[in-house]
Amino acid sequence: MLVAASSAWPQEPKHPTTMPLPPGGQAWRIEKIADVPTPLKSAVDRARCELDEFILHEIPIQIFRSGRGAIALVTCHAIIWYGRAFLFERDHGIEPKPILFPTLVSPSGVGITDRPGVLNWDTGTKTLTATQGNDVGGGDEFRYTYRYGGGPGLFTLIRVETRKCCFATLDEAWTPVWDAPAWPPPRR
């Protein structure tokens, strides 16, 4: 009787071990926790990023090829949703590493974070946007735009924009705060 009862316990979902990444910078989109590859699920859990089926339906995990392997963009559940990015270096079977991003730090300056905001990859322009805001208490929203490649890091900060939170419509314009200037050629 004990053996029969133990087989009725719910079992852990079987996570896939391979990643069917599409070509051309297109992203593989994951909308269910059970479909998250085991190495990524392990990294997400280690980062204390709580996955939620509703959020995955609204903002699926995106995994796309990069020159160094593959990059996964994950939206984490919290009072204010935030995004994390993970790098699979060459072997997709090994747990990926968190990616750090440059960001503004109050009251002035630039720092780095592993939680730049809710992330969105644009395949056509090879840019990543991270949107920070609070839909509960008002204030400002910030949007960071990063260009993929083009430096020693994976992503280079190229633009910071803002707008008033909560009353903005989806098509309301963002106000630029900072645009990366073109660097002068190095002296030789």
N, C-alpha and C. Protein backbone atom coordinates (compact mmCIF):
# COMPACT_ATOMS: atom_id res chain seq x y z
N MET A 1 0.82 -1.19 0.00
CA MET A 1 0.00 0.00 0.00
C MET A 1 0.87 1.27 0.00
N LEU A 2 1.94 1.22 0.75
CA LEU A 2 2.84 2.37 0.83
C LEU A 2 3.49 2.65 -0.52
N VAL A 3 3.86 1.62 -1.24
CA VAL A 3 4.48 1.79 -2.56
C VAL A 3 3.50 2.40 -3.54
N ALA A 4 2.27 1.98 -3.53
CA ALA A 4 1.25 2.51 -4.44
C ALA A 4 0.97 3.98 -4.13
N ALA A 5 0.96 4.34 -2.87
CA ALA A 5 0.68 5.73 -2.50
C ALA A 5 1.83 6.65 -2.88
N SER A 6 3.07 6.18 -2.79
CA SER A 6 4.21 7.04 -3.09
C SER A 6 4.29 7.37 -4.57
N SER A 7 3.77 6.52 -5.44
CA SER A 7 3.83 6.82 -6.86
C SER A 7 2.81 7.87 -7.26
N ALA A 8 1.90 8.22 -6.38
CA ALA A 8 0.89 9.22 -6.69
C ALA A 8 1.36 10.65 -6.41
N TRP A 9 2.53 10.80 -5.78
CA TRP A 9 3.05 12.14 -5.51
C TRP A 9 3.32 12.87 -6.82
N PRO A 10 3.07 14.18 -6.87
CA PRO A 10 3.39 14.92 -8.10
C PRO A 10 4.89 14.88 -8.35
N GLN A 11 5.25 14.81 -9.59
CA GLN A 11 6.66 14.74 -9.94
C GLN A 11 7.13 16.06 -10.51
N GLU A 12 8.43 16.31 -10.38
CA GLU A 12 9.04 17.51 -10.95
C GLU A 12 8.85 17.50 -12.45
N PRO A 13 8.61 18.67 -13.07
CA PRO A 13 8.51 18.69 -14.53
C PRO A 13 9.85 18.31 -15.16
N LYS A 14 9.80 17.69 -16.31
CA LYS A 14 11.01 17.32 -17.05
C LYS A 14 11.42 18.50 -17.91
N HIS A 15 12.55 19.13 -17.56
CA HIS A 15 13.05 20.26 -18.33
C HIS A 15 13.86 19.75 -19.52
N PRO A 16 13.75 20.41 -20.69
CA PRO A 16 14.52 19.96 -21.85
C PRO A 16 16.02 20.14 -21.63
N THR A 17 16.80 19.31 -22.28
CA THR A 17 18.25 19.41 -22.15
C THR A 17 18.88 20.05 -23.38
N THR A 18 18.16 20.18 -24.47
CA THR A 18 18.69 20.83 -25.67
C THR A 18 17.91 22.12 -25.93
N MET A 19 18.55 23.04 -26.64
CA MET A 19 17.91 24.32 -26.94
C MET A 19 17.77 24.48 -28.46
N PRO A 20 16.55 24.46 -28.97
CA PRO A 20 16.34 24.62 -30.41
C PRO A 20 16.41 26.10 -30.81
N LEU A 21 17.62 26.64 -30.91
CA LEU A 21 17.78 28.06 -31.20
C LEU A 21 17.62 28.33 -32.69
N PRO A 22 16.72 29.26 -33.05
CA PRO A 22 16.56 29.59 -34.46
C PRO A 22 17.75 30.39 -34.99
N PRO A 23 17.97 30.38 -36.30
CA PRO A 23 19.09 31.14 -36.88
C PRO A 23 18.75 32.62 -37.01
N GLY A 24 19.76 33.41 -37.37
CA GLY A 24 19.58 34.81 -37.72
C GLY A 24 19.24 35.73 -36.56
N GLY A 25 19.63 35.38 -35.35
CA GLY A 25 19.37 36.24 -34.20
C GLY A 25 17.95 36.17 -33.67
N GLN A 26 17.11 35.34 -34.29
CA GLN A 26 15.75 35.16 -33.79
C GLN A 26 15.81 34.46 -32.44
N ALA A 27 14.84 34.72 -31.58
CA ALA A 27 14.83 34.16 -30.24
C ALA A 27 13.91 32.96 -30.14
N TRP A 28 14.34 31.97 -29.38
CA TRP A 28 13.48 30.86 -28.97
C TRP A 28 12.71 31.40 -27.78
N ARG A 29 11.40 31.33 -27.82
CA ARG A 29 10.55 31.88 -26.77
C ARG A 29 9.97 30.75 -25.92
N ILE A 30 10.08 30.90 -24.60
CA ILE A 30 9.61 29.88 -23.66
C ILE A 30 8.50 30.48 -22.81
N GLU A 31 7.32 29.86 -22.85
CA GLU A 31 6.16 30.39 -22.13
C GLU A 31 5.71 29.52 -20.96
N LYS A 32 6.41 28.41 -20.70
CA LYS A 32 6.03 27.54 -19.59
C LYS A 32 7.28 27.16 -18.80
N ILE A 33 7.14 27.12 -17.48
CA ILE A 33 8.27 26.78 -16.62
C ILE A 33 8.80 25.39 -16.97
N ALA A 34 7.93 24.46 -17.30
CA ALA A 34 8.35 23.09 -17.61
C ALA A 34 9.23 23.03 -18.86
N ASP A 35 9.19 24.06 -19.72
CA ASP A 35 9.98 24.07 -20.95
C ASP A 35 11.34 24.75 -20.79
N VAL A 36 11.64 25.27 -19.61
CA VAL A 36 12.92 25.94 -19.37
C VAL A 36 14.02 24.88 -19.29
N PRO A 37 15.09 25.00 -20.10
CA PRO A 37 16.17 24.01 -20.04
C PRO A 37 16.77 23.91 -18.63
N THR A 38 17.18 22.72 -18.25
CA THR A 38 17.67 22.45 -16.90
C THR A 38 18.81 23.40 -16.48
N PRO A 39 19.85 23.64 -17.30
CA PRO A 39 20.93 24.54 -16.85
C PRO A 39 20.42 25.96 -16.58
N LEU A 40 19.50 26.46 -17.42
CA LEU A 40 18.95 27.80 -17.21
C LEU A 40 18.09 27.83 -15.96
N LYS A 41 17.27 26.82 -15.76
CA LYS A 41 16.42 26.76 -14.57
C LYS A 41 17.28 26.78 -13.31
N SER A 42 18.39 26.07 -13.33
CA SER A 42 19.32 26.06 -12.20
C SER A 42 19.90 27.45 -11.94
N ALA A 43 20.32 28.15 -13.00
CA ALA A 43 20.88 29.51 -12.86
C ALA A 43 19.82 30.49 -12.37
N VAL A 44 18.61 30.37 -12.87
CA VAL A 44 17.51 31.24 -12.44
C VAL A 44 17.22 31.03 -10.96
N ASP A 45 17.17 29.77 -10.54
CA ASP A 45 16.93 29.47 -9.12
C ASP A 45 18.06 30.00 -8.25
N ARG A 46 19.32 29.82 -8.70
CA ARG A 46 20.47 30.29 -7.94
C ARG A 46 20.45 31.83 -7.79
N ALA A 47 19.95 32.51 -8.81
CA ALA A 47 19.87 33.98 -8.78
C ALA A 47 18.64 34.48 -8.00
N ARG A 48 17.87 33.55 -7.46
CA ARG A 48 16.64 33.87 -6.72
C ARG A 48 15.67 34.67 -7.57
N CYS A 49 15.59 34.30 -8.84
CA CYS A 49 14.66 34.89 -9.79
C CYS A 49 13.44 33.97 -9.83
N GLU A 50 12.34 34.44 -9.29
CA GLU A 50 11.14 33.60 -9.23
C GLU A 50 10.41 33.63 -10.57
N LEU A 51 10.22 32.46 -11.15
CA LEU A 51 9.46 32.35 -12.39
C LEU A 51 7.98 32.23 -12.07
N ASP A 52 7.15 32.76 -12.97
CA ASP A 52 5.71 32.73 -12.78
C ASP A 52 5.08 32.45 -14.15
N GLU A 53 4.13 31.51 -14.19
CA GLU A 53 3.50 31.13 -15.47
C GLU A 53 2.80 32.32 -16.12
N PHE A 54 2.14 33.18 -15.34
CA PHE A 54 1.45 34.34 -15.90
C PHE A 54 2.45 35.28 -16.57
N ILE A 55 3.57 35.54 -15.88
CA ILE A 55 4.59 36.43 -16.45
C ILE A 55 5.17 35.82 -17.72
N LEU A 56 5.44 34.51 -17.70
CA LEU A 56 6.00 33.85 -18.89
C LEU A 56 5.03 33.94 -20.06
N HIS A 57 3.75 33.91 -19.78
CA HIS A 57 2.77 34.06 -20.87
C HIS A 57 2.80 35.49 -21.42
N GLU A 58 2.93 36.48 -20.52
CA GLU A 58 2.98 37.89 -20.93
C GLU A 58 4.32 38.27 -21.55
N ILE A 59 5.41 37.85 -20.91
CA ILE A 59 6.77 38.17 -21.36
C ILE A 59 7.58 36.88 -21.35
N PRO A 60 7.55 36.12 -22.45
CA PRO A 60 8.26 34.83 -22.48
C PRO A 60 9.77 35.01 -22.33
N ILE A 61 10.41 33.96 -21.81
CA ILE A 61 11.87 33.91 -21.82
C ILE A 61 12.31 33.92 -23.27
N GLN A 62 13.34 34.68 -23.59
CA GLN A 62 13.90 34.71 -24.94
C GLN A 62 15.34 34.20 -24.87
N ILE A 63 15.67 33.24 -25.73
CA ILE A 63 17.05 32.74 -25.81
C ILE A 63 17.48 32.88 -27.26
N PHE A 64 18.61 33.55 -27.48
CA PHE A 64 19.10 33.75 -28.85
C PHE A 64 20.60 33.51 -28.90
N ARG A 65 21.08 33.20 -30.10
CA ARG A 65 22.51 32.95 -30.31
C ARG A 65 23.30 34.25 -30.17
N SER A 66 24.50 34.11 -29.63
CA SER A 66 25.42 35.24 -29.58
C SER A 66 26.76 34.73 -30.08
N GLY A 67 27.69 35.64 -30.31
CA GLY A 67 29.01 35.23 -30.76
C GLY A 67 29.73 34.35 -29.76
N ARG A 68 29.36 34.45 -28.49
CA ARG A 68 30.01 33.66 -27.45
C ARG A 68 29.21 32.44 -27.03
N GLY A 69 28.04 32.21 -27.59
CA GLY A 69 27.21 31.07 -27.20
C GLY A 69 25.74 31.41 -27.38
N ALA A 70 25.03 31.62 -26.27
CA ALA A 70 23.62 31.99 -26.31
C ALA A 70 23.33 32.86 -25.10
N ILE A 71 22.33 33.74 -25.26
CA ILE A 71 21.92 34.64 -24.19
C ILE A 71 20.45 34.37 -23.89
N ALA A 72 20.12 34.27 -22.60
CA ALA A 72 18.74 34.07 -22.16
C ALA A 72 18.28 35.31 -21.41
N LEU A 73 17.10 35.82 -21.77
CA LEU A 73 16.49 36.95 -21.09
C LEU A 73 15.29 36.44 -20.31
N VAL A 74 15.27 36.70 -19.01
CA VAL A 74 14.25 36.15 -18.12
C VAL A 74 13.61 37.28 -17.31
N THR A 75 12.28 37.29 -17.24
CA THR A 75 11.57 38.25 -16.39
C THR A 75 11.23 37.55 -15.08
N CYS A 76 11.62 38.18 -13.98
CA CYS A 76 11.45 37.60 -12.65
C CYS A 76 10.23 38.20 -11.96
N HIS A 77 9.56 37.37 -11.16
CA HIS A 77 8.39 37.80 -10.43
C HIS A 77 8.80 38.42 -9.10
N ALA A 78 8.29 39.60 -8.83
CA ALA A 78 8.49 40.31 -7.57
C ALA A 78 7.40 41.37 -7.51
N ILE A 79 7.41 42.20 -6.48
CA ILE A 79 6.41 43.27 -6.42
C ILE A 79 6.51 44.11 -7.69
N ILE A 80 7.75 44.42 -8.08
CA ILE A 80 8.00 45.09 -9.37
C ILE A 80 8.79 44.10 -10.21
N TRP A 81 8.25 43.70 -11.36
CA TRP A 81 8.94 42.74 -12.23
C TRP A 81 10.28 43.33 -12.66
N TYR A 82 11.26 42.46 -12.82
CA TYR A 82 12.57 42.89 -13.30
C TYR A 82 13.13 41.79 -14.19
N GLY A 83 14.13 42.16 -14.98
CA GLY A 83 14.73 41.20 -15.90
C GLY A 83 16.14 40.82 -15.49
N ARG A 84 16.51 39.60 -15.85
CA ARG A 84 17.87 39.09 -15.67
C ARG A 84 18.30 38.52 -17.01
N ALA A 85 19.58 38.59 -17.30
CA ALA A 85 20.13 38.01 -18.52
C ALA A 85 21.23 37.04 -18.13
N PHE A 86 21.32 35.93 -18.86
CA PHE A 86 22.29 34.89 -18.57
C PHE A 86 23.02 34.51 -19.86
N LEU A 87 24.32 34.25 -19.74
CA LEU A 87 25.15 33.88 -20.89
C LEU A 87 25.53 32.41 -20.81
N PHE A 88 25.15 31.66 -21.85
CA PHE A 88 25.63 30.29 -22.05
C PHE A 88 26.90 30.41 -22.87
N GLU A 89 28.04 30.09 -22.30
CA GLU A 89 29.30 30.17 -23.04
C GLU A 89 29.57 28.85 -23.74
N ARG A 90 29.41 28.84 -25.04
CA ARG A 90 29.69 27.70 -25.93
C ARG A 90 28.87 26.44 -25.64
N ASP A 91 28.94 25.87 -24.44
CA ASP A 91 28.25 24.63 -24.12
C ASP A 91 26.92 24.94 -23.45
N HIS A 92 25.82 24.66 -24.14
CA HIS A 92 24.49 24.96 -23.61
C HIS A 92 24.08 24.04 -22.47
N GLY A 93 24.87 23.01 -22.21
CA GLY A 93 24.56 22.08 -21.13
C GLY A 93 25.12 22.51 -19.78
N ILE A 94 25.91 23.59 -19.77
CA ILE A 94 26.51 24.10 -18.53
C ILE A 94 25.69 25.29 -18.06
N GLU A 95 25.54 25.42 -16.74
CA GLU A 95 24.75 26.51 -16.18
C GLU A 95 25.29 27.86 -16.66
N PRO A 96 24.40 28.72 -17.19
CA PRO A 96 24.85 30.03 -17.69
C PRO A 96 25.19 30.99 -16.56
N LYS A 97 25.95 32.04 -16.91
CA LYS A 97 26.38 33.04 -15.94
C LYS A 97 25.53 34.31 -16.09
N PRO A 98 25.25 35.00 -14.97
CA PRO A 98 24.52 36.27 -15.07
C PRO A 98 25.35 37.31 -15.82
N ILE A 99 24.66 38.20 -16.53
CA ILE A 99 25.30 39.29 -17.27
C ILE A 99 25.07 40.58 -16.50
N LEU A 100 26.11 41.42 -16.41
CA LEU A 100 26.02 42.71 -15.75
C LEU A 100 25.86 43.81 -16.81
N PHE A 101 25.11 44.86 -16.45
CA PHE A 101 24.82 45.96 -17.36
C PHE A 101 25.16 47.29 -16.71
N PRO A 102 25.69 48.27 -17.50
CA PRO A 102 25.87 49.62 -16.96
C PRO A 102 24.50 50.28 -16.80
N THR A 103 24.36 51.09 -15.75
CA THR A 103 23.09 51.76 -15.48
C THR A 103 23.36 53.05 -14.70
N LEU A 104 22.40 53.96 -14.69
CA LEU A 104 22.53 55.19 -13.91
C LEU A 104 22.36 54.86 -12.43
N VAL A 105 23.12 55.58 -11.60
CA VAL A 105 23.03 55.41 -10.15
C VAL A 105 22.72 56.77 -9.55
N SER A 106 21.69 56.83 -8.72
CA SER A 106 21.30 58.08 -8.09
C SER A 106 22.25 58.41 -6.94
N PRO A 107 22.59 59.66 -6.70
CA PRO A 107 22.10 60.86 -7.34
C PRO A 107 22.85 61.23 -8.61
N SER A 108 24.06 60.69 -8.80
CA SER A 108 24.77 60.95 -10.06
C SER A 108 25.82 59.86 -10.23
N GLY A 109 26.05 59.48 -11.45
CA GLY A 109 27.07 58.49 -11.73
C GLY A 109 26.54 57.30 -12.50
N VAL A 110 27.44 56.39 -12.78
CA VAL A 110 27.13 55.17 -13.52
C VAL A 110 27.64 54.00 -12.72
N GLY A 111 26.86 52.94 -12.66
CA GLY A 111 27.25 51.72 -11.96
C GLY A 111 26.92 50.52 -12.80
N ILE A 112 26.92 49.34 -12.20
CA ILE A 112 26.54 48.13 -12.91
C ILE A 112 25.48 47.40 -12.09
N THR A 113 24.66 46.64 -12.79
CA THR A 113 23.60 45.86 -12.15
C THR A 113 23.34 44.59 -12.94
N ASP A 114 22.82 43.58 -12.26
CA ASP A 114 22.38 42.38 -12.95
C ASP A 114 20.86 42.40 -13.12
N ARG A 115 20.21 43.50 -12.70
CA ARG A 115 18.76 43.68 -12.80
C ARG A 115 18.45 45.03 -13.45
N PRO A 116 18.72 45.19 -14.74
CA PRO A 116 18.56 46.50 -15.36
C PRO A 116 17.11 46.92 -15.62
N GLY A 117 16.16 45.99 -15.54
CA GLY A 117 14.76 46.28 -15.83
C GLY A 117 14.18 45.13 -16.64
N VAL A 118 12.94 45.28 -17.07
CA VAL A 118 12.32 44.26 -17.91
C VAL A 118 12.99 44.35 -19.28
N LEU A 119 13.47 43.21 -19.78
CA LEU A 119 14.33 43.17 -20.98
C LEU A 119 13.56 42.80 -22.23
N ASN A 120 13.95 43.43 -23.34
CA ASN A 120 13.36 43.11 -24.64
C ASN A 120 14.44 43.16 -25.71
N TRP A 121 14.58 42.08 -26.48
CA TRP A 121 15.57 41.96 -27.54
C TRP A 121 14.94 42.32 -28.87
N ASP A 122 15.58 43.19 -29.65
CA ASP A 122 15.14 43.53 -31.00
C ASP A 122 16.11 42.89 -31.99
N THR A 123 15.63 41.85 -32.66
CA THR A 123 16.47 41.10 -33.59
C THR A 123 16.99 41.96 -34.73
N GLY A 124 16.13 42.81 -35.27
CA GLY A 124 16.50 43.62 -36.43
C GLY A 124 17.63 44.59 -36.16
N THR A 125 17.59 45.26 -35.03
CA THR A 125 18.60 46.27 -34.72
C THR A 125 19.72 45.74 -33.83
N LYS A 126 19.58 44.50 -33.34
CA LYS A 126 20.54 43.90 -32.41
C LYS A 126 20.73 44.78 -31.18
N THR A 127 19.58 45.29 -30.67
CA THR A 127 19.61 46.10 -29.46
C THR A 127 18.74 45.44 -28.39
N LEU A 128 19.09 45.74 -27.16
CA LEU A 128 18.37 45.25 -26.00
C LEU A 128 17.89 46.46 -25.23
N THR A 129 16.61 46.49 -24.86
CA THR A 129 16.12 47.56 -24.01
C THR A 129 15.78 46.99 -22.64
N ALA A 130 16.02 47.80 -21.63
CA ALA A 130 15.68 47.45 -20.26
C ALA A 130 14.83 48.60 -19.71
N THR A 131 13.61 48.29 -19.30
CA THR A 131 12.70 49.31 -18.80
C THR A 131 12.50 49.15 -17.31
N GLN A 132 12.78 50.22 -16.56
CA GLN A 132 12.59 50.23 -15.11
C GLN A 132 11.46 51.17 -14.78
N GLY A 133 10.64 50.79 -13.84
CA GLY A 133 9.56 51.67 -13.41
C GLY A 133 8.77 51.03 -12.30
N ASN A 134 7.84 51.79 -11.78
CA ASN A 134 6.98 51.33 -10.71
C ASN A 134 5.57 51.75 -11.05
N ASP A 135 4.71 50.79 -11.36
CA ASP A 135 3.35 51.13 -11.74
C ASP A 135 2.44 51.35 -10.54
N VAL A 136 2.99 51.27 -9.34
CA VAL A 136 2.18 51.43 -8.13
C VAL A 136 2.32 52.84 -7.57
N GLY A 137 3.55 53.31 -7.39
CA GLY A 137 3.76 54.57 -6.70
C GLY A 137 4.03 55.76 -7.58
N GLY A 138 3.92 55.63 -8.88
CA GLY A 138 4.21 56.75 -9.75
C GLY A 138 5.70 56.95 -9.93
N GLY A 139 6.09 58.18 -10.22
CA GLY A 139 7.50 58.46 -10.44
C GLY A 139 7.86 58.36 -11.91
N ASP A 140 9.12 58.17 -12.17
CA ASP A 140 9.61 58.11 -13.55
C ASP A 140 9.93 56.69 -13.95
N GLU A 141 9.76 56.43 -15.24
CA GLU A 141 10.23 55.18 -15.84
C GLU A 141 11.53 55.51 -16.55
N PHE A 142 12.44 54.56 -16.57
CA PHE A 142 13.69 54.71 -17.32
C PHE A 142 13.79 53.58 -18.32
N ARG A 143 14.30 53.90 -19.48
CA ARG A 143 14.57 52.89 -20.49
C ARG A 143 16.02 53.01 -20.93
N TYR A 144 16.75 51.91 -20.79
CA TYR A 144 18.14 51.82 -21.20
C TYR A 144 18.19 51.05 -22.51
N THR A 145 18.96 51.53 -23.46
CA THR A 145 19.14 50.82 -24.72
C THR A 145 20.60 50.42 -24.82
N TYR A 146 20.81 49.12 -25.08
CA TYR A 146 22.15 48.55 -25.19
C TYR A 146 22.33 47.97 -26.59
N ARG A 147 23.51 48.21 -27.17
CA ARG A 147 23.86 47.62 -28.46
C ARG A 147 24.63 46.34 -28.18
N TYR A 148 24.29 45.29 -28.90
CA TYR A 148 24.99 44.02 -28.73
C TYR A 148 26.36 44.10 -29.39
N GLY A 149 27.39 43.61 -28.71
CA GLY A 149 28.74 43.59 -29.26
C GLY A 149 29.38 44.96 -29.22
N GLY A 150 30.39 45.14 -30.00
CA GLY A 150 31.02 46.45 -30.12
C GLY A 150 31.85 46.86 -28.92
N GLY A 151 32.50 45.96 -28.27
CA GLY A 151 33.35 46.33 -27.15
C GLY A 151 33.76 45.09 -26.38
N PRO A 152 34.47 45.30 -25.28
CA PRO A 152 34.93 44.15 -24.51
C PRO A 152 33.77 43.41 -23.83
N GLY A 153 32.66 44.10 -23.55
CA GLY A 153 31.50 43.46 -22.93
C GLY A 153 30.53 42.97 -23.99
N LEU A 154 29.50 42.29 -23.55
CA LEU A 154 28.47 41.83 -24.48
C LEU A 154 27.59 42.97 -24.97
N PHE A 155 27.26 43.89 -24.05
CA PHE A 155 26.33 44.97 -24.38
C PHE A 155 26.95 46.31 -24.01
N THR A 156 26.76 47.29 -24.90
CA THR A 156 27.26 48.64 -24.68
C THR A 156 26.07 49.57 -24.51
N LEU A 157 26.06 50.36 -23.44
CA LEU A 157 25.00 51.33 -23.21
C LEU A 157 25.10 52.44 -24.24
N ILE A 158 24.00 52.67 -24.98
CA ILE A 158 24.03 53.71 -26.02
C ILE A 158 23.00 54.81 -25.79
N ARG A 159 21.99 54.57 -24.92
CA ARG A 159 20.96 55.59 -24.72
C ARG A 159 20.24 55.35 -23.39
N VAL A 160 19.87 56.47 -22.73
CA VAL A 160 19.03 56.42 -21.53
C VAL A 160 17.90 57.42 -21.77
N GLU A 161 16.66 56.96 -21.52
CA GLU A 161 15.48 57.80 -21.73
C GLU A 161 14.57 57.70 -20.50
N THR A 162 13.66 58.67 -20.37
CA THR A 162 12.72 58.66 -19.25
C THR A 162 11.36 59.17 -19.72
N ARG A 163 10.35 58.88 -18.90
CA ARG A 163 9.01 59.44 -19.06
C ARG A 163 8.29 59.25 -17.73
N LYS A 164 7.21 60.00 -17.53
CA LYS A 164 6.44 59.89 -16.30
C LYS A 164 5.72 58.55 -16.29
N CYS A 165 5.76 57.91 -15.16
CA CYS A 165 5.13 56.59 -15.02
C CYS A 165 3.63 56.70 -14.81
N CYS A 166 2.97 55.66 -15.17
CA CYS A 166 1.57 55.37 -14.86
C CYS A 166 0.56 56.15 -15.69
N PHE A 167 0.88 57.34 -16.12
CA PHE A 167 -0.07 58.11 -16.91
C PHE A 167 0.31 58.12 -18.38
N ALA A 168 1.42 57.50 -18.71
CA ALA A 168 1.89 57.48 -20.09
C ALA A 168 1.11 56.45 -20.89
N THR A 169 0.84 56.78 -22.12
CA THR A 169 0.25 55.80 -23.02
C THR A 169 1.41 55.07 -23.70
N LEU A 170 1.11 53.93 -24.30
CA LEU A 170 2.16 53.13 -24.92
C LEU A 170 2.90 53.88 -26.01
N ASP A 171 2.22 54.82 -26.68
CA ASP A 171 2.89 55.54 -27.77
C ASP A 171 3.48 56.88 -27.33
N GLU A 172 3.40 57.19 -26.02
CA GLU A 172 3.97 58.44 -25.54
C GLU A 172 5.48 58.42 -25.69
N ALA A 173 6.01 59.53 -26.13
CA ALA A 173 7.45 59.61 -26.43
C ALA A 173 8.28 59.56 -25.16
N TRP A 174 9.43 58.95 -25.29
CA TRP A 174 10.43 58.94 -24.23
C TRP A 174 11.30 60.18 -24.40
N THR A 175 11.73 60.77 -23.31
CA THR A 175 12.61 61.94 -23.33
C THR A 175 14.04 61.47 -23.13
N PRO A 176 14.95 61.81 -24.07
CA PRO A 176 16.34 61.38 -23.90
C PRO A 176 16.98 62.05 -22.68
N VAL A 177 17.73 61.27 -21.92
CA VAL A 177 18.52 61.76 -20.81
C VAL A 177 19.99 61.80 -21.21
N TRP A 178 20.39 60.77 -21.97
CA TRP A 178 21.79 60.66 -22.38
C TRP A 178 21.88 59.80 -23.63
N ASP A 179 22.67 60.23 -24.60
CA ASP A 179 23.01 59.45 -25.80
C ASP A 179 24.52 59.33 -25.86
N ALA A 180 24.99 58.14 -26.17
CA ALA A 180 26.43 57.92 -26.25
C ALA A 180 27.01 58.77 -27.38
N PRO A 181 28.02 59.57 -27.07
CA PRO A 181 28.66 60.35 -28.13
C PRO A 181 29.59 59.45 -28.95
N ALA A 182 29.85 59.87 -30.16
CA ALA A 182 30.84 59.17 -30.97
C ALA A 182 32.22 59.48 -30.40
N TRP A 183 32.99 58.46 -30.12
CA TRP A 183 34.32 58.66 -29.55
C TRP A 183 35.26 59.15 -30.64
N PRO A 184 36.18 60.08 -30.26
CA PRO A 184 37.18 60.51 -31.25
C PRO A 184 38.14 59.34 -31.51
N PRO A 185 38.73 59.31 -32.71
CA PRO A 185 39.67 58.24 -32.99
C PRO A 185 40.86 58.32 -32.03
N PRO A 186 41.39 57.19 -31.60
CA PRO A 186 42.53 57.22 -30.67
C PRO A 186 43.76 57.83 -31.32
N ARG A 187 44.54 58.59 -30.53
CA ARG A 187 45.77 59.19 -31.05
C ARG A 187 46.84 58.12 -31.12
N ARG A 188 47.67 58.24 -32.09
CA ARG A 188 48.76 57.24 -32.25
C ARG A 188 50.07 57.92 -32.20
